[in-house]
Protein backbone atom coordinates (compact mmCIF):
# COMPACT_ATOMS: atom_id res chain seq x y z
CA MET A 1 -5.42 6.55 -19.74
CA TYR A 2 -3.47 8.00 -22.82
CA ALA A 3 -0.49 6.21 -21.90
CA LYS A 4 -2.49 2.93 -21.84
CA LEU A 5 -3.72 3.79 -25.10
CA PHE A 6 -0.59 4.47 -26.64
CA ARG A 7 0.70 1.57 -25.30
CA SER A 8 -1.99 -0.92 -26.88
CA ASN A 9 -1.66 0.50 -29.97
CA LEU A 10 2.19 0.54 -30.13
CA ARG A 11 1.71 -3.29 -29.95
CA LYS A 12 -0.07 -3.20 -33.11
CA ALA A 13 2.55 -0.71 -34.72
CA LEU A 14 5.51 -3.00 -33.33
CA ARG A 15 6.13 -4.28 -36.99
CA ASP A 16 6.63 -0.94 -38.36
CA TYR A 17 9.09 -0.04 -35.79
CA MET A 18 10.90 -3.32 -35.88
CA ILE A 19 11.97 -1.96 -39.58
CA TYR A 20 12.84 1.53 -38.10
CA PHE A 21 14.60 -0.55 -35.20
CA PHE A 22 16.68 -2.93 -37.86
CA THR A 23 17.47 -0.22 -40.03
CA LEU A 24 19.02 1.96 -37.28
CA VAL A 25 20.96 -0.88 -35.91
CA ILE A 26 22.62 -1.60 -39.47
CA SER A 27 23.38 2.16 -39.55
CA SER A 28 24.86 2.61 -36.27
CA THR A 29 26.89 -0.53 -36.29
CA LEU A 30 28.05 0.68 -39.85
CA PHE A 31 28.87 4.55 -38.20
CA PHE A 32 30.67 2.70 -35.10
CA ALA A 33 32.75 0.14 -37.18
CA PHE A 34 34.30 2.80 -39.53
CA LEU A 35 34.51 5.15 -36.91
CA SER A 36 36.41 2.91 -34.73
CA LEU A 37 39.25 2.70 -37.23
CA THR A 38 40.24 6.43 -36.42
CA SER A 39 39.86 5.92 -32.56
CA GLN A 40 42.95 7.02 -30.60
CA TYR A 41 42.22 3.58 -28.60
CA ASN A 42 42.89 1.54 -31.45
CA ASP A 43 46.23 0.33 -30.78
CA ILE A 44 45.39 -2.65 -33.12
CA LEU A 45 46.29 -0.59 -36.14
CA GLY A 46 49.76 0.26 -34.79
CA GLY A 47 51.99 1.88 -37.33
CA ASP A 48 54.99 0.31 -38.40
CA GLY A 49 56.23 2.40 -40.82
CA ASN A 50 55.04 0.27 -44.14
CA TYR A 51 51.97 2.73 -44.67
CA SER A 52 50.63 5.94 -43.28
CA LEU A 53 48.33 5.80 -40.70
CA THR A 54 47.47 9.02 -40.73
CA LEU A 55 46.40 9.29 -44.18
CA PHE A 56 44.23 5.97 -43.74
CA GLN A 57 42.45 7.60 -40.52
CA ASP A 58 41.87 10.86 -42.67
CA THR A 59 40.41 8.69 -45.22
CA ILE A 60 38.05 7.30 -42.93
CA ARG A 61 36.94 10.11 -41.12
CA ASP A 62 36.17 11.87 -44.72
CA ALA A 63 34.21 8.84 -45.14
CA VAL A 64 32.35 8.82 -41.75
CA LEU A 65 31.20 12.43 -42.50
CA VAL A 66 30.02 11.51 -45.91
CA ILE A 67 28.24 8.42 -44.51
CA SER A 68 26.55 10.86 -41.51
CA ILE A 69 24.89 12.92 -44.04
CA ILE A 70 23.27 9.87 -45.41
CA PHE A 71 22.12 8.65 -42.21
CA ILE A 72 20.54 11.75 -41.20
CA ALA A 73 18.31 11.54 -44.36
CA LEU A 74 18.01 8.10 -43.50
CA ILE A 75 16.65 8.81 -40.00
CA ARG A 76 14.45 11.29 -41.53
CA TYR A 77 12.92 9.40 -43.82
CA ILE A 78 12.38 6.49 -41.67
CA ASN A 79 10.49 8.76 -39.25
CA ASN A 80 8.47 10.57 -42.00
CA TYR A 81 7.40 6.67 -42.83
CA MET A 82 6.66 5.93 -39.34
CA LEU A 83 4.51 9.08 -39.19
CA LYS A 84 2.75 8.81 -42.23
CA GLN A 85 1.87 4.94 -41.06
CA ARG A 86 0.59 6.10 -37.73
CA SER A 87 -1.45 9.46 -38.87
CA ARG A 88 -4.86 7.57 -38.53
CA GLU A 89 -4.02 6.83 -35.10
CA PHE A 90 -3.24 10.17 -34.32
CA SER A 91 -6.25 11.64 -36.18
CA VAL A 92 -8.32 9.36 -34.01
CA TYR A 93 -6.52 10.28 -30.99
CA LEU A 94 -7.32 13.95 -31.86
CA ILE A 95 -11.08 13.66 -32.63
CA LEU A 96 -11.03 11.62 -29.26
CA GLY A 97 -9.82 14.88 -27.73
CA MET A 98 -6.37 14.17 -26.83
CA GLU A 99 -4.14 17.55 -27.41
CA GLN A 100 -1.81 17.88 -30.41
CA ARG A 101 0.92 18.34 -27.80
CA THR A 102 0.24 15.04 -25.98
CA VAL A 103 0.24 13.04 -29.34
CA ALA A 104 3.51 14.80 -30.47
CA LYS A 105 5.03 14.09 -26.94
CA HIS A 106 4.21 10.50 -27.12
CA PHE A 107 5.36 9.70 -30.59
CA PHE A 108 8.49 11.49 -29.66
CA GLU A 109 9.16 9.53 -26.84
CA GLU A 110 8.36 6.15 -28.70
CA THR A 111 10.77 7.03 -31.62
CA PHE A 112 13.51 8.55 -29.05
CA ALA A 113 13.47 5.46 -27.21
CA PHE A 114 13.73 2.91 -29.77
CA GLY A 115 16.39 4.78 -31.64
CA ILE A 116 18.66 4.80 -28.51
CA ALA A 117 18.13 1.23 -27.87
CA ALA A 118 18.90 0.49 -31.78
CA VAL A 119 22.19 2.53 -31.38
CA VAL A 120 23.31 0.72 -28.23
CA GLY A 121 22.35 -2.56 -29.99
CA GLY A 122 24.50 -1.07 -32.83
CA CYS A 123 27.47 -0.22 -31.14
CA ILE A 124 27.81 -3.58 -29.54
CA LEU A 125 27.37 -4.95 -33.08
CA GLY A 126 29.50 -2.29 -33.86
CA THR A 127 32.60 -3.49 -31.77
CA LEU A 128 32.48 -7.26 -33.40
CA LEU A 129 32.44 -5.63 -36.99
CA SER A 130 35.18 -3.35 -35.99
CA GLY A 131 37.53 -6.21 -34.77
CA ILE A 132 36.42 -7.74 -38.41
CA MET A 133 37.41 -4.70 -40.32
CA THR A 134 40.56 -4.18 -38.65
CA THR A 135 41.58 -7.82 -38.98
CA PHE A 136 40.81 -7.53 -42.57
CA VAL A 137 42.83 -4.29 -42.87
CA MET A 138 45.77 -5.84 -40.83
CA ARG A 139 45.75 -8.86 -43.28
CA THR A 140 46.57 -6.68 -46.23
CA ILE A 141 49.50 -5.58 -44.38
CA ASP A 142 50.84 -8.66 -42.34
CA PRO A 143 49.30 -12.11 -43.17
CA ALA A 144 49.81 -13.45 -39.41
CA ALA A 145 47.21 -10.69 -38.26
CA VAL A 146 45.07 -12.40 -35.77
CA PHE A 147 41.20 -11.19 -34.86
CA ARG A 148 41.10 -8.99 -31.59
CA LEU A 149 38.52 -6.91 -30.30
CA GLY A 150 39.16 -3.78 -28.71
CA PHE A 151 36.73 -1.03 -26.75
CA TYR A 152 36.82 2.34 -27.86
CA PRO A 153 35.16 4.97 -25.53
CA ASP A 154 35.80 7.80 -27.86
CA THR A 155 33.78 6.03 -30.63
CA MET A 156 31.23 5.14 -28.05
CA LEU A 157 30.76 8.42 -26.88
CA VAL A 158 30.50 10.07 -30.54
CA THR A 159 28.34 7.61 -31.74
CA LEU A 160 25.88 7.95 -29.14
CA LEU A 161 25.84 11.94 -29.42
CA PHE A 162 25.73 11.83 -33.33
CA PHE A 163 22.47 9.71 -33.28
CA GLY A 164 21.17 11.13 -30.15
CA VAL A 165 21.32 14.67 -31.74
CA SER A 166 19.80 13.61 -35.32
CA PHE A 167 16.96 11.67 -33.24
CA LEU A 168 16.51 15.16 -31.07
CA LEU A 169 16.90 17.07 -34.39
CA VAL A 170 14.30 14.63 -36.26
CA GLY A 171 11.76 14.50 -33.47
CA VAL A 172 11.91 18.26 -33.04
CA TRP A 173 10.83 18.33 -36.79
CA ASN A 174 8.15 15.68 -36.70
CA VAL A 175 6.82 17.01 -33.41
CA ARG A 176 6.06 20.47 -35.34
CA ARG A 177 4.38 18.26 -37.89
CA ILE A 178 2.34 17.19 -35.73
CA TYR A 179 1.69 19.97 -33.67
């Protein structure tokens, strides 16, 4: 019964979740694209002696670290927004007799599922953006460089782990606020 009630109200909150979803897709796309430039599987950026690949990758890693902190704050802000948007709905659930634990669990499951779907979509788009960025970097060195896509399993794993852990931490924080 509770699951049916949550599903029907989720449809009403879909517009708010679209903001959440697209923000996370953009964030994970950027994260993946920049991180892929430092991947050990990125053979497109082969060092030919004209530039320091190590310095370039170290600089990108530092930038990704700073961006990661911003993304964690962004995820927390978006989750707070979602929690505020649905607070009346959650209050009605509590008045109807639903346990706080159940409300918190359903909210966590919803945000986590949307978040993981957004990150997977972001990884797919990030692969495309990574190819564009790599081509841009290579054309500054060699104007004859051509666009090429690459698959970077280490970058995929780091992106999924980073956002997964971020969602878990923010989700636990949200559950504590509800419960």
